[in-house]
Structures are given as structure tokens and as C-alpha cells.
Amino acid sequence: MSNMDKYKTRDRASKPIRVNLIDPGTGRPADDWIEVRSSLSDEFLTARDNAMQLAAEIGSIKDLEARKAQVKFNGLRMKAALVAGWSFEEECNEKNIIAFLQEAPQIQDLVISIADDNAAFFMLPSTPSSNGPKKKSGSVIR
């Protein structure tokens, strides 16, 4: 492996991370989950590029409300590209993901937060110490 290889993260960016959802009614972990891709994944970068190409077309829409609706839809489409799978009975496709994200803004925030966490996708897991933390004389371990 060359020194350059350690910087090649493209494959890892498209490998999703499974995230357990929190029930908004109780604040407790739910049995439901979603799988989130990195914001550096090919899938998201393609969706972002497509959204940028559509921006000029959207800007030419004369009706302000229709333009706002298209901008919102375009944003949801980009966020949908970050979702790779889920535990729900409904098929995990772009249409269903967009509908879900539109009605669950807290999930949109979660997806973006996970997708932008480069360490979650690219950092190698640390190895646990066998003896635990060391206590120095006179120090308190918290």
C-alpha cells in the first residue's frame, strides 16, 4: 500500500452506517433504523451535481410559490440520496424517502448530521486498552 492509498476514501463513503432511530413521542430508542451514506459518497455527489444543474431551471420559474416548492423538493432529493436503507415496511426508494423526510424534519437533521461526520465513515476503530485507564497518584478518574 502506498502512502497515497490511506487517503482513498471513496469506497467507504458509499458504505452506509446503520443508525437506530429515537421515538419522538417517548425520546427512547425505537426498533426502527435507517442506513446513512457519507456526504462524500458517489450517490450524494451525483444528486448534488444534478441539483446544481436544475437550479438554473428552477430559477427561471416565474411563479414564486412553484419556485419555492421546487427548491424544497430539490433539497429533499439531495438528502434522500444519503439514505441507503431502512427498517420500515415501505420500499426504500427515492419517492418514499422524500415523503418520509418531508414529514420527519428531525430525521432530515439526523441524516445530515451522520452524513457529515467524516470520522464515523473514515476513522479506523480504536483498540480498547486491556487494563483500562491508568490512575495517576492523586488524580481522580471520571
N, C-alpha and C. Protein backbone atom coordinates (compact mmCIF):
# COMPACT_ATOMS: atom_id res chain seq x y z
N MET A 1 0.85 -1.18 0.00
CA MET A 1 0.00 0.00 0.00
C MET A 1 0.90 1.24 0.00
N SER A 2 0.64 2.14 -0.93
CA SER A 2 1.43 3.37 -0.98
C SER A 2 0.88 4.36 0.04
N ASN A 3 1.67 5.38 0.33
CA ASN A 3 1.22 6.42 1.26
C ASN A 3 -0.07 7.08 0.78
N MET A 4 -0.26 7.12 -0.52
CA MET A 4 -1.43 7.76 -1.10
C MET A 4 -2.71 6.96 -0.82
N ASP A 5 -2.60 5.66 -0.70
CA ASP A 5 -3.77 4.80 -0.54
C ASP A 5 -4.58 5.10 0.71
N LYS A 6 -3.94 5.54 1.77
CA LYS A 6 -4.68 5.79 3.01
C LYS A 6 -5.66 6.96 2.88
N TYR A 7 -5.50 7.77 1.84
CA TYR A 7 -6.39 8.91 1.62
C TYR A 7 -7.56 8.58 0.70
N LYS A 8 -7.57 7.39 0.16
CA LYS A 8 -8.62 6.99 -0.77
C LYS A 8 -9.82 6.49 0.04
N THR A 9 -10.84 7.34 0.14
CA THR A 9 -11.99 7.04 1.00
C THR A 9 -13.28 6.83 0.21
N ARG A 10 -13.19 6.83 -1.09
CA ARG A 10 -14.39 6.78 -1.92
C ARG A 10 -15.28 5.57 -1.61
N ASP A 11 -14.70 4.39 -1.53
CA ASP A 11 -15.50 3.19 -1.24
C ASP A 11 -16.16 3.27 0.12
N ARG A 12 -15.44 3.75 1.13
CA ARG A 12 -16.00 3.84 2.48
C ARG A 12 -17.12 4.87 2.55
N ALA A 13 -17.05 5.91 1.72
CA ALA A 13 -18.09 6.95 1.74
C ALA A 13 -19.44 6.41 1.30
N SER A 14 -19.44 5.43 0.42
CA SER A 14 -20.70 4.87 -0.06
C SER A 14 -21.21 3.72 0.79
N LYS A 15 -20.39 3.25 1.73
CA LYS A 15 -20.82 2.18 2.62
C LYS A 15 -21.62 2.80 3.76
N PRO A 16 -22.92 2.51 3.84
CA PRO A 16 -23.77 3.19 4.83
C PRO A 16 -23.51 2.76 6.27
N ILE A 17 -23.89 3.65 7.16
CA ILE A 17 -23.86 3.40 8.61
C ILE A 17 -25.30 3.25 9.07
N ARG A 18 -25.56 2.20 9.83
CA ARG A 18 -26.92 1.99 10.36
C ARG A 18 -27.08 2.80 11.64
N VAL A 19 -28.18 3.55 11.69
CA VAL A 19 -28.47 4.42 12.83
C VAL A 19 -29.83 4.05 13.39
N ASN A 20 -29.88 3.74 14.68
CA ASN A 20 -31.16 3.48 15.34
C ASN A 20 -31.89 4.80 15.56
N LEU A 21 -33.19 4.78 15.34
CA LEU A 21 -33.99 5.99 15.48
C LEU A 21 -34.51 6.12 16.92
N ILE A 22 -34.81 7.34 17.28
CA ILE A 22 -35.40 7.65 18.57
C ILE A 22 -36.88 7.94 18.37
N ASP A 23 -37.72 7.34 19.17
CA ASP A 23 -39.16 7.58 19.09
C ASP A 23 -39.42 9.02 19.55
N PRO A 24 -39.95 9.87 18.66
CA PRO A 24 -40.15 11.28 19.04
C PRO A 24 -41.19 11.46 20.14
N GLY A 25 -42.07 10.49 20.32
CA GLY A 25 -43.09 10.59 21.35
C GLY A 25 -42.58 10.28 22.75
N THR A 26 -41.58 9.39 22.82
CA THR A 26 -41.08 8.97 24.13
C THR A 26 -39.64 9.39 24.40
N GLY A 27 -38.91 9.69 23.32
CA GLY A 27 -37.50 10.02 23.48
C GLY A 27 -36.63 8.79 23.71
N ARG A 28 -37.22 7.63 23.56
CA ARG A 28 -36.49 6.37 23.79
C ARG A 28 -36.10 5.74 22.46
N PRO A 29 -35.04 4.93 22.49
CA PRO A 29 -34.66 4.23 21.25
C PRO A 29 -35.80 3.37 20.71
N ALA A 30 -35.97 3.40 19.42
CA ALA A 30 -37.00 2.61 18.76
C ALA A 30 -36.35 1.40 18.09
N ASP A 31 -37.17 0.48 17.63
CA ASP A 31 -36.65 -0.68 16.90
C ASP A 31 -36.31 -0.30 15.46
N ASP A 32 -36.77 0.86 15.01
CA ASP A 32 -36.55 1.29 13.64
C ASP A 32 -35.15 1.85 13.45
N TRP A 33 -34.66 1.74 12.22
CA TRP A 33 -33.33 2.24 11.88
C TRP A 33 -33.32 2.74 10.44
N ILE A 34 -32.30 3.54 10.14
CA ILE A 34 -32.03 3.95 8.76
C ILE A 34 -30.54 3.74 8.51
N GLU A 35 -30.19 3.58 7.27
CA GLU A 35 -28.79 3.49 6.87
C GLU A 35 -28.44 4.76 6.11
N VAL A 36 -27.36 5.40 6.54
CA VAL A 36 -26.97 6.71 6.01
C VAL A 36 -25.61 6.61 5.33
N ARG A 37 -25.52 7.21 4.15
CA ARG A 37 -24.25 7.31 3.42
C ARG A 37 -23.55 8.61 3.79
N SER A 38 -22.28 8.66 3.53
CA SER A 38 -21.49 9.88 3.74
C SER A 38 -21.90 10.95 2.71
N SER A 39 -21.72 12.20 3.11
CA SER A 39 -21.95 13.31 2.17
C SER A 39 -20.86 13.37 1.11
N LEU A 40 -19.87 12.49 1.21
CA LEU A 40 -18.84 12.38 0.19
C LEU A 40 -19.05 11.15 -0.70
N SER A 41 -20.19 10.48 -0.54
CA SER A 41 -20.48 9.28 -1.35
C SER A 41 -20.78 9.68 -2.79
N ASP A 42 -20.51 8.75 -3.69
CA ASP A 42 -20.83 8.99 -5.11
C ASP A 42 -22.31 9.30 -5.29
N GLU A 43 -23.16 8.59 -4.53
CA GLU A 43 -24.60 8.78 -4.67
C GLU A 43 -25.01 10.21 -4.32
N PHE A 44 -24.47 10.73 -3.21
CA PHE A 44 -24.83 12.09 -2.83
C PHE A 44 -24.20 13.11 -3.76
N LEU A 45 -22.95 12.92 -4.13
CA LEU A 45 -22.28 13.89 -5.01
C LEU A 45 -22.99 13.98 -6.36
N THR A 46 -23.48 12.85 -6.85
CA THR A 46 -24.25 12.86 -8.11
C THR A 46 -25.55 13.63 -7.92
N ALA A 47 -26.25 13.37 -6.80
CA ALA A 47 -27.51 14.09 -6.53
C ALA A 47 -27.25 15.59 -6.38
N ARG A 48 -26.16 15.95 -5.73
CA ARG A 48 -25.83 17.37 -5.57
C ARG A 48 -25.54 18.02 -6.92
N ASP A 49 -24.77 17.32 -7.76
CA ASP A 49 -24.47 17.85 -9.10
C ASP A 49 -25.75 18.02 -9.92
N ASN A 50 -26.64 17.05 -9.83
CA ASN A 50 -27.92 17.16 -10.55
C ASN A 50 -28.74 18.33 -10.03
N ALA A 51 -28.74 18.53 -8.71
CA ALA A 51 -29.48 19.65 -8.11
C ALA A 51 -28.91 20.98 -8.59
N MET A 52 -27.61 21.05 -8.70
CA MET A 52 -27.00 22.30 -9.17
C MET A 52 -27.37 22.57 -10.62
N GLN A 53 -27.44 21.52 -11.43
CA GLN A 53 -27.84 21.70 -12.83
C GLN A 53 -29.29 22.17 -12.93
N LEU A 54 -30.14 21.66 -12.03
CA LEU A 54 -31.55 22.05 -12.04
C LEU A 54 -31.79 23.45 -11.48
N ALA A 55 -30.82 23.97 -10.74
CA ALA A 55 -31.00 25.27 -10.10
C ALA A 55 -31.32 26.37 -11.11
N ALA A 56 -30.64 26.36 -12.24
CA ALA A 56 -30.90 27.39 -13.26
C ALA A 56 -32.32 27.28 -13.79
N GLU A 57 -32.76 26.04 -14.02
CA GLU A 57 -34.13 25.84 -14.50
C GLU A 57 -35.15 26.31 -13.45
N ILE A 58 -34.87 25.98 -12.20
CA ILE A 58 -35.77 26.38 -11.12
C ILE A 58 -35.83 27.90 -11.01
N GLY A 59 -34.68 28.53 -11.18
CA GLY A 59 -34.63 29.98 -11.11
C GLY A 59 -35.46 30.67 -12.17
N SER A 60 -35.71 29.98 -13.26
CA SER A 60 -36.50 30.58 -14.35
C SER A 60 -38.01 30.42 -14.15
N ILE A 61 -38.43 29.70 -13.13
CA ILE A 61 -39.86 29.55 -12.85
C ILE A 61 -40.40 30.89 -12.36
N LYS A 62 -41.40 31.39 -13.04
CA LYS A 62 -41.94 32.72 -12.73
C LYS A 62 -42.76 32.75 -11.44
N ASP A 63 -43.56 31.71 -11.22
CA ASP A 63 -44.43 31.66 -10.05
C ASP A 63 -43.57 31.41 -8.80
N LEU A 64 -43.59 32.36 -7.86
CA LEU A 64 -42.74 32.29 -6.67
C LEU A 64 -43.03 31.05 -5.82
N GLU A 65 -44.29 30.71 -5.62
CA GLU A 65 -44.64 29.55 -4.80
C GLU A 65 -44.19 28.25 -5.47
N ALA A 66 -44.36 28.18 -6.78
CA ALA A 66 -43.91 26.99 -7.51
C ALA A 66 -42.39 26.87 -7.45
N ARG A 67 -41.70 28.00 -7.52
CA ARG A 67 -40.23 28.00 -7.44
C ARG A 67 -39.78 27.52 -6.06
N LYS A 68 -40.44 28.04 -4.99
CA LYS A 68 -40.11 27.62 -3.63
C LYS A 68 -40.33 26.12 -3.45
N ALA A 69 -41.42 25.61 -4.01
CA ALA A 69 -41.73 24.18 -3.90
C ALA A 69 -40.66 23.35 -4.60
N GLN A 70 -40.19 23.81 -5.76
CA GLN A 70 -39.15 23.08 -6.49
C GLN A 70 -37.81 23.11 -5.75
N VAL A 71 -37.50 24.25 -5.15
CA VAL A 71 -36.26 24.35 -4.36
C VAL A 71 -36.32 23.36 -3.19
N LYS A 72 -37.45 23.33 -2.51
CA LYS A 72 -37.62 22.41 -1.37
C LYS A 72 -37.50 20.96 -1.84
N PHE A 73 -38.18 20.62 -2.93
CA PHE A 73 -38.13 19.26 -3.47
C PHE A 73 -36.70 18.89 -3.86
N ASN A 74 -36.00 19.82 -4.47
CA ASN A 74 -34.61 19.59 -4.89
C ASN A 74 -33.74 19.27 -3.67
N GLY A 75 -33.95 20.00 -2.59
CA GLY A 75 -33.19 19.75 -1.36
C GLY A 75 -33.51 18.39 -0.77
N LEU A 76 -34.79 18.03 -0.77
CA LEU A 76 -35.19 16.72 -0.26
C LEU A 76 -34.60 15.59 -1.10
N ARG A 77 -34.53 15.82 -2.39
CA ARG A 77 -33.95 14.82 -3.29
C ARG A 77 -32.48 14.58 -2.98
N MET A 78 -31.76 15.65 -2.69
CA MET A 78 -30.35 15.50 -2.32
C MET A 78 -30.23 14.73 -1.01
N LYS A 79 -31.03 15.08 -0.02
CA LYS A 79 -30.99 14.38 1.27
C LYS A 79 -31.38 12.92 1.11
N ALA A 80 -32.33 12.64 0.23
CA ALA A 80 -32.76 11.26 0.00
C ALA A 80 -31.61 10.40 -0.50
N ALA A 81 -30.69 10.99 -1.24
CA ALA A 81 -29.54 10.23 -1.75
C ALA A 81 -28.62 9.76 -0.63
N LEU A 82 -28.76 10.35 0.54
CA LEU A 82 -27.94 9.94 1.69
C LEU A 82 -28.52 8.71 2.39
N VAL A 83 -29.77 8.40 2.15
CA VAL A 83 -30.43 7.26 2.80
C VAL A 83 -30.28 6.03 1.91
N ALA A 84 -29.65 5.00 2.46
CA ALA A 84 -29.37 3.78 1.69
C ALA A 84 -30.33 2.64 2.01
N GLY A 85 -31.00 2.72 3.15
CA GLY A 85 -31.91 1.64 3.54
C GLY A 85 -32.62 2.00 4.82
N TRP A 86 -33.64 1.19 5.16
CA TRP A 86 -34.36 1.40 6.41
C TRP A 86 -35.10 0.15 6.82
N SER A 87 -35.64 0.18 8.02
CA SER A 87 -36.34 -0.98 8.58
C SER A 87 -37.84 -0.94 8.33
N PHE A 88 -38.35 0.09 7.73
CA PHE A 88 -39.79 0.23 7.52
C PHE A 88 -40.30 -0.75 6.47
N GLU A 89 -41.59 -1.06 6.53
CA GLU A 89 -42.20 -1.97 5.56
C GLU A 89 -42.20 -1.38 4.15
N GLU A 90 -42.35 -0.06 4.06
CA GLU A 90 -42.38 0.59 2.76
C GLU A 90 -41.03 0.41 2.06
N GLU A 91 -41.10 0.25 0.74
CA GLU A 91 -39.88 0.10 -0.04
C GLU A 91 -39.01 1.34 0.13
N CYS A 92 -37.72 1.12 0.27
CA CYS A 92 -36.79 2.25 0.41
C CYS A 92 -36.39 2.72 -0.99
N ASN A 93 -37.18 3.63 -1.55
CA ASN A 93 -36.88 4.21 -2.85
C ASN A 93 -36.95 5.73 -2.72
N GLU A 94 -36.51 6.42 -3.74
CA GLU A 94 -36.43 7.88 -3.67
C GLU A 94 -37.78 8.52 -3.30
N LYS A 95 -38.84 8.07 -3.94
CA LYS A 95 -40.16 8.65 -3.68
C LYS A 95 -40.55 8.50 -2.21
N ASN A 96 -40.38 7.31 -1.66
CA ASN A 96 -40.75 7.06 -0.26
C ASN A 96 -39.82 7.77 0.72
N ILE A 97 -38.55 7.83 0.38
CA ILE A 97 -37.60 8.53 1.25
C ILE A 97 -37.95 10.01 1.31
N ILE A 98 -38.22 10.61 0.16
CA ILE A 98 -38.58 12.03 0.12
C ILE A 98 -39.85 12.28 0.93
N ALA A 99 -40.85 11.44 0.77
CA ALA A 99 -42.10 11.61 1.52
C ALA A 99 -41.85 11.51 3.02
N PHE A 100 -41.02 10.55 3.43
CA PHE A 100 -40.70 10.38 4.85
C PHE A 100 -39.93 11.58 5.39
N LEU A 101 -38.90 12.00 4.68
CA LEU A 101 -38.09 13.13 5.15
C LEU A 101 -38.91 14.42 5.23
N GLN A 102 -39.82 14.59 4.29
CA GLN A 102 -40.65 15.79 4.28
C GLN A 102 -41.50 15.87 5.55
N GLU A 103 -41.98 14.73 6.02
CA GLU A 103 -42.85 14.71 7.20
C GLU A 103 -42.09 14.50 8.51
N ALA A 104 -40.79 14.25 8.43
CA ALA A 104 -39.99 13.99 9.63
C ALA A 104 -38.71 14.84 9.60
N PRO A 105 -38.84 16.15 9.83
CA PRO A 105 -37.67 17.02 9.75
C PRO A 105 -36.56 16.64 10.74
N GLN A 106 -36.92 16.01 11.86
CA GLN A 106 -35.89 15.59 12.80
C GLN A 106 -35.02 14.49 12.18
N ILE A 107 -35.59 13.70 11.29
CA ILE A 107 -34.82 12.66 10.60
C ILE A 107 -33.91 13.30 9.56
N GLN A 108 -34.40 14.37 8.90
CA GLN A 108 -33.53 15.11 7.98
C GLN A 108 -32.29 15.59 8.71
N ASP A 109 -32.49 16.18 9.88
CA ASP A 109 -31.35 16.68 10.67
C ASP A 109 -30.41 15.55 11.05
N LEU A 110 -30.96 14.42 11.46
CA LEU A 110 -30.15 13.26 11.83
C LEU A 110 -29.33 12.77 10.64
N VAL A 111 -29.97 12.64 9.50
CA VAL A 111 -29.30 12.16 8.29
C VAL A 111 -28.14 13.08 7.93
N ILE A 112 -28.37 14.38 7.95
CA ILE A 112 -27.31 15.33 7.61
C ILE A 112 -26.18 15.25 8.62
N SER A 113 -26.52 15.18 9.89
CA SER A 113 -25.51 15.10 10.94
C SER A 113 -24.62 13.87 10.77
N ILE A 114 -25.22 12.72 10.52
CA ILE A 114 -24.45 11.49 10.33
C ILE A 114 -23.64 11.57 9.04
N ALA A 115 -24.27 12.02 7.96
CA ALA A 115 -23.60 12.07 6.66
C ALA A 115 -22.38 12.98 6.66
N ASP A 116 -22.41 14.03 7.48
CA ASP A 116 -21.29 14.98 7.55
C ASP A 116 -20.23 14.59 8.56
N ASP A 117 -20.43 13.50 9.28
CA ASP A 117 -19.48 13.05 10.30
C ASP A 117 -18.42 12.16 9.64
N ASN A 118 -17.42 12.80 9.05
CA ASN A 118 -16.38 12.05 8.32
C ASN A 118 -15.70 11.00 9.18
N ALA A 119 -15.50 11.30 10.45
CA ALA A 119 -14.83 10.34 11.33
C ALA A 119 -15.62 9.04 11.43
N ALA A 120 -16.94 9.12 11.41
CA ALA A 120 -17.77 7.92 11.51
C ALA A 120 -17.56 6.99 10.31
N PHE A 121 -17.24 7.55 9.16
CA PHE A 121 -17.06 6.76 7.96
C PHE A 121 -15.60 6.37 7.71
N PHE A 122 -14.67 7.23 8.11
CA PHE A 122 -13.29 7.04 7.67
C PHE A 122 -12.29 6.66 8.75
N MET A 123 -12.59 6.95 10.01
CA MET A 123 -11.64 6.64 11.07
C MET A 123 -11.65 5.14 11.35
N LEU A 124 -10.49 4.59 11.56
CA LEU A 124 -10.41 3.19 11.95
C LEU A 124 -10.82 3.10 13.41
N PRO A 125 -11.54 2.04 13.77
CA PRO A 125 -11.94 1.91 15.17
C PRO A 125 -10.72 1.78 16.07
N SER A 126 -10.79 2.39 17.23
CA SER A 126 -9.66 2.31 18.16
C SER A 126 -9.71 0.96 18.86
N THR A 127 -8.56 0.53 19.28
CA THR A 127 -8.49 -0.73 20.01
C THR A 127 -8.58 -0.43 21.49
N PRO A 128 -9.45 -1.14 22.21
CA PRO A 128 -9.60 -0.87 23.64
C PRO A 128 -8.35 -1.27 24.41
N SER A 129 -8.05 -0.50 25.44
CA SER A 129 -6.89 -0.86 26.26
C SER A 129 -7.28 -2.05 27.13
N SER A 130 -6.32 -2.90 27.39
CA SER A 130 -6.63 -4.12 28.13
C SER A 130 -6.79 -3.86 29.63
N ASN A 131 -6.14 -2.82 30.14
CA ASN A 131 -6.17 -2.57 31.58
C ASN A 131 -7.06 -1.40 31.97
N GLY A 132 -7.68 -0.74 31.03
CA GLY A 132 -8.49 0.42 31.35
C GLY A 132 -7.63 1.64 31.58
N PRO A 133 -8.24 2.74 32.01
CA PRO A 133 -7.48 3.97 32.22
C PRO A 133 -6.52 3.83 33.40
N LYS A 134 -5.41 4.48 33.29
CA LYS A 134 -4.40 4.47 34.36
C LYS A 134 -4.72 5.58 35.35
N LYS A 135 -4.62 5.30 36.62
CA LYS A 135 -4.84 6.29 37.64
C LYS A 135 -3.49 6.82 38.11
N LYS A 136 -3.32 8.13 37.98
CA LYS A 136 -2.09 8.75 38.47
C LYS A 136 -2.26 9.04 39.96
N SER A 137 -1.18 9.10 40.63
CA SER A 137 -1.24 9.37 42.06
C SER A 137 -1.90 10.71 42.30
N GLY A 138 -2.93 10.75 43.14
CA GLY A 138 -3.62 11.97 43.48
C GLY A 138 -4.65 12.42 42.46
N SER A 139 -4.85 11.67 41.36
CA SER A 139 -5.82 12.10 40.36
C SER A 139 -7.12 11.32 40.51
N VAL A 140 -8.18 11.89 39.99
CA VAL A 140 -9.49 11.25 40.04
C VAL A 140 -9.87 10.86 38.64
N ILE A 141 -10.29 9.62 38.45
CA ILE A 141 -10.78 9.17 37.13
C ILE A 141 -12.27 9.38 37.10
N ARG A 142 -12.73 10.12 36.11
CA ARG A 142 -14.16 10.41 36.00
C ARG A 142 -14.80 9.63 34.91
